[in-house]
Amino acid sequence: MTRNGRNMEQVYRCVTVQVEKFQTVILDFKGVSAVEQAFADEIFRVYSQKKPKIVLLPINMEDGVLKMV
């Protein structure tokens, strides 16, 4: 499935590769009204378990995003 012309798998890969460079990462969801459940699960559950030393701090989450996290 795509969002704004981008494959969500590509977005996930891009985010996770960049995240590994830092200890704390702020994920700003400003302007994002929804995310796919699989994307949220990969970032907030699976990736967090694989990389427990990396702190993910989501901000500006609208209800549609919060429902998936």
Protein backbone atom coordinates (compact mmCIF):
# COMPACT_ATOMS: atom_id res chain seq x y z
CA MET A 1 0.00 0.00 0.00
CA THR A 2 1.21 3.52 -0.65
CA ARG A 3 0.77 6.89 1.03
CA ASN A 4 1.54 10.04 -0.92
CA GLY A 5 3.24 7.98 -3.61
CA ARG A 6 5.60 6.23 -1.18
CA ASN A 7 5.54 2.61 -0.25
CA MET A 8 5.14 2.31 3.54
CA GLU A 9 7.87 -0.31 3.59
CA GLN A 10 10.28 2.22 2.11
CA VAL A 11 9.26 4.80 4.70
CA TYR A 12 9.80 2.29 7.51
CA ARG A 13 13.26 1.39 6.18
CA CYS A 14 14.24 5.02 5.82
CA VAL A 15 13.09 5.86 9.35
CA THR A 16 14.77 2.89 11.02
CA VAL A 17 18.10 3.39 9.23
CA GLN A 18 18.23 7.06 10.25
CA VAL A 19 17.08 6.32 13.82
CA GLU A 20 20.05 4.06 14.51
CA LYS A 21 22.35 7.09 14.44
CA PHE A 22 20.81 8.50 17.65
CA GLN A 23 19.99 7.52 21.23
CA THR A 24 16.76 9.54 21.43
CA VAL A 25 14.52 10.20 18.45
CA ILE A 26 11.57 12.58 18.31
CA LEU A 27 8.95 11.37 15.84
CA ASP A 28 6.84 14.41 14.94
CA PHE A 29 3.46 13.40 13.55
CA LYS A 30 2.31 16.97 12.92
CA GLY A 31 0.03 16.95 9.89
CA VAL A 32 -0.32 13.15 9.92
CA SER A 33 -3.94 12.17 10.45
CA ALA A 34 -3.50 8.38 10.28
CA VAL A 35 -0.92 5.62 9.91
CA GLU A 36 -1.33 1.99 9.02
CA GLN A 37 -1.50 -0.44 11.91
CA ALA A 38 1.39 -2.48 10.50
CA PHE A 39 3.61 0.61 10.34
CA ALA A 40 2.82 1.62 13.92
CA ASP A 41 3.40 -1.95 15.13
CA GLU A 42 6.78 -2.18 13.39
CA ILE A 43 8.00 1.13 14.78
CA PHE A 44 6.56 1.13 18.30
CA ARG A 45 6.61 -2.56 19.18
CA VAL A 46 8.93 -4.59 16.95
CA TYR A 47 11.66 -1.98 16.40
CA SER A 48 11.55 -0.84 20.04
CA GLN A 49 12.10 -4.43 21.15
CA LYS A 50 15.00 -4.90 18.71
CA LYS A 51 16.66 -1.61 19.71
CA PRO A 52 15.79 -1.03 23.39
CA LYS A 53 18.59 1.53 23.85
CA ILE A 54 16.97 3.87 21.32
CA VAL A 55 14.23 6.01 22.88
CA LEU A 56 11.37 6.93 20.53
CA LEU A 57 9.42 10.03 21.57
CA PRO A 58 6.31 10.55 19.45
CA ILE A 59 4.80 14.06 19.49
CA ASN A 60 1.81 15.80 17.89
CA MET A 61 -0.17 12.60 17.43
CA GLU A 62 -3.75 13.06 16.27
CA ASP A 63 -6.48 10.61 17.28
CA GLY A 64 -6.16 8.63 14.04
CA VAL A 65 -2.48 8.00 14.77
CA LEU A 66 -2.99 7.32 18.48
CA LYS A 67 -5.54 4.61 17.67
CA MET A 68 -2.88 2.65 15.78
CA VAL A 69 -0.14 2.92 18.40
